Amino acid sequence: MVCRWVLESAADALQAFPGQGQMKPEQAELTLLRREGLQLKGGVEHLKKAAVYFVKGAL
């Protein structure tokens, strides 16, 4: 395990130990995209409910 840490530190000194408040840029982007995806899903569900409400009101 220590050997792996040494190799990671040598390969990418600034981002060798993410998780201490430092995410790699790829991980940060993935987290952002996942969060946006969840927001979009919530918006779609809200629109579906609104569409059902308006269809019922039109009948």
PDB file of N, CA and C in Angstrom:
ATOM      1  N   MET A   1       0.823  -1.178   0.000  1.00  0.00           N
ATOM      2  CA  MET A   1       0.000   0.000   0.000  1.00  0.00           C
ATOM      3  C   MET A   1       0.877   1.254   0.000  1.00  0.00           C
ATOM      4  N   VAL A   2       1.904   1.275   0.794  1.00  0.00           N
ATOM      5  CA  VAL A   2       2.812   2.416   0.840  1.00  0.00           C
ATOM      6  C   VAL A   2       3.503   2.585  -0.500  1.00  0.00           C
ATOM      7  N   CYS A   3       3.853   1.471  -1.119  1.00  0.00           N
ATOM      8  CA  CYS A   3       4.504   1.525  -2.427  1.00  0.00           C
ATOM      9  C   CYS A   3       3.596   2.214  -3.447  1.00  0.00           C
ATOM     10  N   ARG A   4       2.307   1.896  -3.404  1.00  0.00           N
ATOM     11  CA  ARG A   4       1.354   2.509  -4.333  1.00  0.00           C
ATOM     12  C   ARG A   4       1.283   4.012  -4.095  1.00  0.00           C
ATOM     13  N   TRP A   5       1.271   4.432  -2.831  1.00  0.00           N
ATOM     14  CA  TRP A   5       1.230   5.850  -2.512  1.00  0.00           C
ATOM     15  C   TRP A   5       2.463   6.569  -3.038  1.00  0.00           C
ATOM     16  N   VAL A   6       3.606   5.940  -2.916  1.00  0.00           N
ATOM     17  CA  VAL A   6       4.845   6.545  -3.406  1.00  0.00           C
ATOM     18  C   VAL A   6       4.781   6.700  -4.921  1.00  0.00           C
ATOM     19  N   LEU A   7       4.292   5.672  -5.607  1.00  0.00           N
ATOM     20  CA  LEU A   7       4.185   5.745  -7.065  1.00  0.00           C
ATOM     21  C   LEU A   7       3.188   6.814  -7.493  1.00  0.00           C
ATOM     22  N   GLU A   8       2.042   6.914  -6.813  1.00  0.00           N
ATOM     23  CA  GLU A   8       1.059   7.942  -7.140  1.00  0.00           C
ATOM     24  C   GLU A   8       1.631   9.330  -6.903  1.00  0.00           C
ATOM     25  N   SER A   9       2.349   9.483  -5.818  1.00  0.00           N
ATOM     26  CA  SER A   9       2.946  10.771  -5.502  1.00  0.00           C
ATOM     27  C   SER A   9       3.968  11.175  -6.554  1.00  0.00           C
ATOM     28  N   ALA A  10       4.742  10.226  -7.021  1.00  0.00           N
ATOM     29  CA  ALA A  10       5.750  10.520  -8.038  1.00  0.00           C
ATOM     30  C   ALA A  10       5.101  10.843  -9.380  1.00  0.00           C
ATOM     31  N   ALA A  11       4.008  10.169  -9.703  1.00  0.00           N
ATOM     32  CA  ALA A  11       3.373  10.363 -11.004  1.00  0.00           C
ATOM     33  C   ALA A  11       2.625  11.689 -11.081  1.00  0.00           C
ATOM     34  N   ASP A  12       1.941  12.060 -10.013  1.00  0.00           N
ATOM     35  CA  ASP A  12       1.117  13.269 -10.038  1.00  0.00           C
ATOM     36  C   ASP A  12       1.144  13.882  -8.645  1.00  0.00           C
ATOM     37  N   ALA A  13       2.157  14.655  -8.376  1.00  0.00           N
ATOM     38  CA  ALA A  13       2.393  15.146  -7.017  1.00  0.00           C
ATOM     39  C   ALA A  13       1.255  16.006  -6.484  1.00  0.00           C
ATOM     40  N   LEU A  14       0.640  16.835  -7.319  1.00  0.00           N
ATOM     41  CA  LEU A  14      -0.418  17.723  -6.836  1.00  0.00           C
ATOM     42  C   LEU A  14      -1.723  16.989  -6.573  1.00  0.00           C
ATOM     43  N   GLN A  15      -1.979  15.923  -7.308  1.00  0.00           N
ATOM     44  CA  GLN A  15      -3.243  15.201  -7.183  1.00  0.00           C
ATOM     45  C   GLN A  15      -3.032  13.764  -6.715  1.00  0.00           C
ATOM     46  N   ALA A  16      -1.960  13.499  -6.020  1.00  0.00           N
ATOM     47  CA  ALA A  16      -1.626  12.125  -5.653  1.00  0.00           C
ATOM     48  C   ALA A  16      -2.587  11.541  -4.631  1.00  0.00           C
ATOM     49  N   PHE A  17      -3.100  12.361  -3.760  1.00  0.00           N
ATOM     50  CA  PHE A  17      -3.951  11.851  -2.687  1.00  0.00           C
ATOM     51  C   PHE A  17      -5.290  12.581  -2.666  1.00  0.00           C
ATOM     52  N   PRO A  18      -6.124  12.367  -3.664  1.00  0.00           N
ATOM     53  CA  PRO A  18      -7.432  13.012  -3.654  1.00  0.00           C
ATOM     54  C   PRO A  18      -8.274  12.441  -2.518  1.00  0.00           C
ATOM     55  N   GLY A  19      -9.270  13.178  -2.143  1.00  0.00           N
ATOM     56  CA  GLY A  19     -10.115  12.733  -1.054  1.00  0.00           C
ATOM     57  C   GLY A  19      -9.895  13.579   0.190  1.00  0.00           C
ATOM     58  N   GLN A  20      -8.845  14.340   0.203  1.00  0.00           N
ATOM     59  CA  GLN A  20      -8.581  15.264   1.301  1.00  0.00           C
ATOM     60  C   GLN A  20      -9.057  16.657   0.894  1.00  0.00           C
ATOM     61  N   GLY A  21     -10.226  16.708   0.264  1.00  0.00           N
ATOM     62  CA  GLY A  21     -10.746  17.981  -0.216  1.00  0.00           C
ATOM     63  C   GLY A  21     -10.248  18.321  -1.602  1.00  0.00           C
ATOM     64  N   GLN A  22      -9.480  17.431  -2.207  1.00  0.00           N
ATOM     65  CA  GLN A  22      -8.940  17.686  -3.538  1.00  0.00           C
ATOM     66  C   GLN A  22      -9.365  16.561  -4.471  1.00  0.00           C
ATOM     67  N   MET A  23     -10.249  16.894  -5.404  1.00  0.00           N
ATOM     68  CA  MET A  23     -10.642  15.906  -6.409  1.00  0.00           C
ATOM     69  C   MET A  23      -9.845  16.160  -7.674  1.00  0.00           C
ATOM     70  N   LYS A  24      -9.602  15.106  -8.393  1.00  0.00           N
ATOM     71  CA  LYS A  24      -8.986  15.280  -9.701  1.00  0.00           C
ATOM     72  C   LYS A  24     -10.011  15.973 -10.594  1.00  0.00           C
ATOM     73  N   PRO A  25      -9.563  16.721 -11.593  1.00  0.00           N
ATOM     74  CA  PRO A  25     -10.505  17.440 -12.458  1.00  0.00           C
ATOM     75  C   PRO A  25     -11.545  16.520 -13.100  1.00  0.00           C
ATOM     76  N   GLU A  26     -11.140  15.319 -13.475  1.00  0.00           N
ATOM     77  CA  GLU A  26     -12.084  14.384 -14.090  1.00  0.00           C
ATOM     78  C   GLU A  26     -13.166  13.980 -13.093  1.00  0.00           C
ATOM     79  N   GLN A  27     -12.773  13.773 -11.851  1.00  0.00           N
ATOM     80  CA  GLN A  27     -13.734  13.388 -10.820  1.00  0.00           C
ATOM     81  C   GLN A  27     -14.685  14.541 -10.512  1.00  0.00           C
ATOM     82  N   ALA A  28     -14.165  15.752 -10.481  1.00  0.00           N
ATOM     83  CA  ALA A  28     -15.003  16.919 -10.216  1.00  0.00           C
ATOM     84  C   ALA A  28     -16.024  17.104 -11.332  1.00  0.00           C
ATOM     85  N   GLU A  29     -15.590  16.920 -12.572  1.00  0.00           N
ATOM     86  CA  GLU A  29     -16.507  17.055 -13.703  1.00  0.00           C
ATOM     87  C   GLU A  29     -17.582  15.974 -13.662  1.00  0.00           C
ATOM     88  N   LEU A  30     -17.195  14.756 -13.338  1.00  0.00           N
ATOM     89  CA  LEU A  30     -18.155  13.661 -13.247  1.00  0.00           C
ATOM     90  C   LEU A  30     -19.182  13.926 -12.147  1.00  0.00           C
ATOM     91  N   THR A  31     -18.735  14.429 -11.020  1.00  0.00           N
ATOM     92  CA  THR A  31     -19.647  14.764  -9.925  1.00  0.00           C
ATOM     93  C   THR A  31     -20.630  15.842 -10.358  1.00  0.00           C
ATOM     94  N   LEU A  32     -20.134  16.858 -11.044  1.00  0.00           N
ATOM     95  CA  LEU A  32     -20.992  17.935 -11.532  1.00  0.00           C
ATOM     96  C   LEU A  32     -22.017  17.408 -12.526  1.00  0.00           C
ATOM     97  N   LEU A  33     -21.589  16.564 -13.448  1.00  0.00           N
ATOM     98  CA  LEU A  33     -22.506  16.017 -14.443  1.00  0.00           C
ATOM     99  C   LEU A  33     -23.565  15.125 -13.804  1.00  0.00           C
ATOM    100  N   ARG A  34     -23.181  14.360 -12.811  1.00  0.00           N
ATOM    101  CA  ARG A  34     -24.164  13.521 -12.106  1.00  0.00           C
ATOM    102  C   ARG A  34     -25.191  14.387 -11.392  1.00  0.00           C
ATOM    103  N   ARG A  35     -24.735  15.451 -10.758  1.00  0.00           N
ATOM    104  CA  ARG A  35     -25.647  16.355 -10.059  1.00  0.00           C
ATOM    105  C   ARG A  35     -26.617  17.002 -11.052  1.00  0.00           C
ATOM    106  N   GLU A  36     -26.106  17.445 -12.193  1.00  0.00           N
ATOM    107  CA  GLU A  36     -26.963  18.044 -13.216  1.00  0.00           C
ATOM    108  C   GLU A  36     -27.963  17.031 -13.752  1.00  0.00           C
ATOM    109  N   GLY A  37     -27.533  15.786 -13.920  1.00  0.00           N
ATOM    110  CA  GLY A  37     -28.433  14.735 -14.387  1.00  0.00           C
ATOM    111  C   GLY A  37     -29.575  14.507 -13.416  1.00  0.00           C
ATOM    112  N   LEU A  38     -29.282  14.514 -12.130  1.00  0.00           N
ATOM    113  CA  LEU A  38     -30.333  14.346 -11.129  1.00  0.00           C
ATOM    114  C   LEU A  38     -31.309  15.515 -11.158  1.00  0.00           C
ATOM    115  N   GLN A  39     -30.799  16.725 -11.355  1.00  0.00           N
ATOM    116  CA  GLN A  39     -31.676  17.891 -11.439  1.00  0.00           C
ATOM    117  C   GLN A  39     -32.573  17.795 -12.666  1.00  0.00           C
ATOM    118  N   LEU A  40     -32.032  17.344 -13.780  1.00  0.00           N
ATOM    119  CA  LEU A  40     -32.829  17.211 -14.995  1.00  0.00           C
ATOM    120  C   LEU A  40     -33.911  16.157 -14.828  1.00  0.00           C
ATOM    121  N   LYS A  41     -33.577  15.046 -14.181  1.00  0.00           N
ATOM    122  CA  LYS A  41     -34.582  14.009 -13.939  1.00  0.00           C
ATOM    123  C   LYS A  41     -35.709  14.550 -13.077  1.00  0.00           C
ATOM    124  N   GLY A  42     -35.366  15.335 -12.075  1.00  0.00           N
ATOM    125  CA  GLY A  42     -36.380  15.943 -11.216  1.00  0.00           C
ATOM    126  C   GLY A  42     -37.269  16.889 -11.998  1.00  0.00           C
ATOM    127  N   GLY A  43     -36.691  17.637 -12.909  1.00  0.00           N
ATOM    128  CA  GLY A  43     -37.464  18.551 -13.746  1.00  0.00           C
ATOM    129  C   GLY A  43     -38.406  17.809 -14.668  1.00  0.00           C
ATOM    130  N   VAL A  44     -37.958  16.706 -15.215  1.00  0.00           N
ATOM    131  CA  VAL A  44     -38.800  15.899 -16.103  1.00  0.00           C
ATOM    132  C   VAL A  44     -39.979  15.336 -15.325  1.00  0.00           C
ATOM    133  N   GLU A  45     -39.727  14.846 -14.118  1.00  0.00           N
ATOM    134  CA  GLU A  45     -40.812  14.309 -13.289  1.00  0.00           C
ATOM    135  C   GLU A  45     -41.826  15.402 -12.968  1.00  0.00           C
ATOM    136  N   HIS A  46     -41.341  16.590 -12.678  1.00  0.00           N
ATOM    137  CA  HIS A  46     -42.236  17.711 -12.380  1.00  0.00           C
ATOM    138  C   HIS A  46     -43.092  18.045 -13.603  1.00  0.00           C
ATOM    139  N   LEU A  47     -42.494  18.062 -14.774  1.00  0.00           N
ATOM    140  CA  LEU A  47     -43.244  18.355 -15.995  1.00  0.00           C
ATOM    141  C   LEU A  47     -44.280  17.282 -16.287  1.00  0.00           C
ATOM    142  N   LYS A  48     -43.955  16.029 -16.021  1.00  0.00           N
ATOM    143  CA  LYS A  48     -44.918  14.946 -16.223  1.00  0.00           C
ATOM    144  C   LYS A  48     -46.129  15.134 -15.320  1.00  0.00           C
ATOM    145  N   LYS A  49     -45.891  15.473 -14.062  1.00  0.00           N
ATOM    146  CA  LYS A  49     -46.992  15.690 -13.121  1.00  0.00           C
ATOM    147  C   LYS A  49     -47.836  16.887 -13.547  1.00  0.00           C
ATOM    148  N   ALA A  50     -47.190  17.941 -14.006  1.00  0.00           N
ATOM    149  CA  ALA A  50     -47.922  19.121 -14.458  1.00  0.00           C
ATOM    150  C   ALA A  50     -48.755  18.794 -15.691  1.00  0.00           C
ATOM    151  N   ALA A  51     -48.222  18.002 -16.597  1.00  0.00           N
ATOM    152  CA  ALA A  51     -48.962  17.628 -17.805  1.00  0.00           C
ATOM    153  C   ALA A  51     -50.205  16.829 -17.435  1.00  0.00           C
ATOM    154  N   VAL A  52     -50.082  15.908 -16.493  1.00  0.00           N
ATOM    155  CA  VAL A  52     -51.241  15.121 -16.049  1.00  0.00           C
ATOM    156  C   VAL A  52     -52.280  16.048 -15.434  1.00  0.00           C
ATOM    157  N   TYR A  53     -51.845  16.996 -14.640  1.00  0.00           N
ATOM    158  CA  TYR A  53     -52.758  17.940 -13.994  1.00  0.00           C
ATOM    159  C   TYR A  53     -53.528  18.743 -15.040  1.00  0.00           C
ATOM    160  N   PHE A  54     -52.840  19.250 -16.047  1.00  0.00           N
ATOM    161  CA  PHE A  54     -53.500  20.067 -17.055  1.00  0.00           C
ATOM    162  C   PHE A  54     -54.399  19.239 -17.962  1.00  0.00           C
ATOM    163  N   VAL A  55     -54.032  18.007 -18.236  1.00  0.00           N
ATOM    164  CA  VAL A  55     -54.884  17.138 -19.052  1.00  0.00           C
ATOM    165  C   VAL A  55     -56.176  16.845 -18.296  1.00  0.00           C
ATOM    166  N   LYS A  56     -56.082  16.581 -17.012  1.00  0.00           N
ATOM    167  CA  LYS A  56     -57.279  16.331 -16.203  1.00  0.00           C
ATOM    168  C   LYS A  56     -58.165  17.572 -16.154  1.00  0.00           C
ATOM    169  N   GLY A  57     -57.564  18.731 -16.091  1.00  0.00           N
ATOM    170  CA  GLY A  57     -58.325  19.986 -16.052  1.00  0.00           C
ATOM    171  C   GLY A  57     -59.019  20.282 -17.369  1.00  0.00           C
ATOM    172  N   ALA A  58     -58.461  19.816 -18.473  1.00  0.00           N
ATOM    173  CA  ALA A  58     -59.039  20.075 -19.796  1.00  0.00           C
ATOM    174  C   ALA A  58     -60.218  19.162 -20.083  1.00  0.00           C
ATOM    175  N   LEU A  59     -60.306  18.035 -19.400  1.00  0.00           N
ATOM    176  CA  LEU A  59     -61.395  17.091 -19.639  1.00  0.00           C
ATOM    177  C   LEU A  59     -62.569  17.483 -18.880  1.00  0.00           C
TER     178      LEU A  59
END
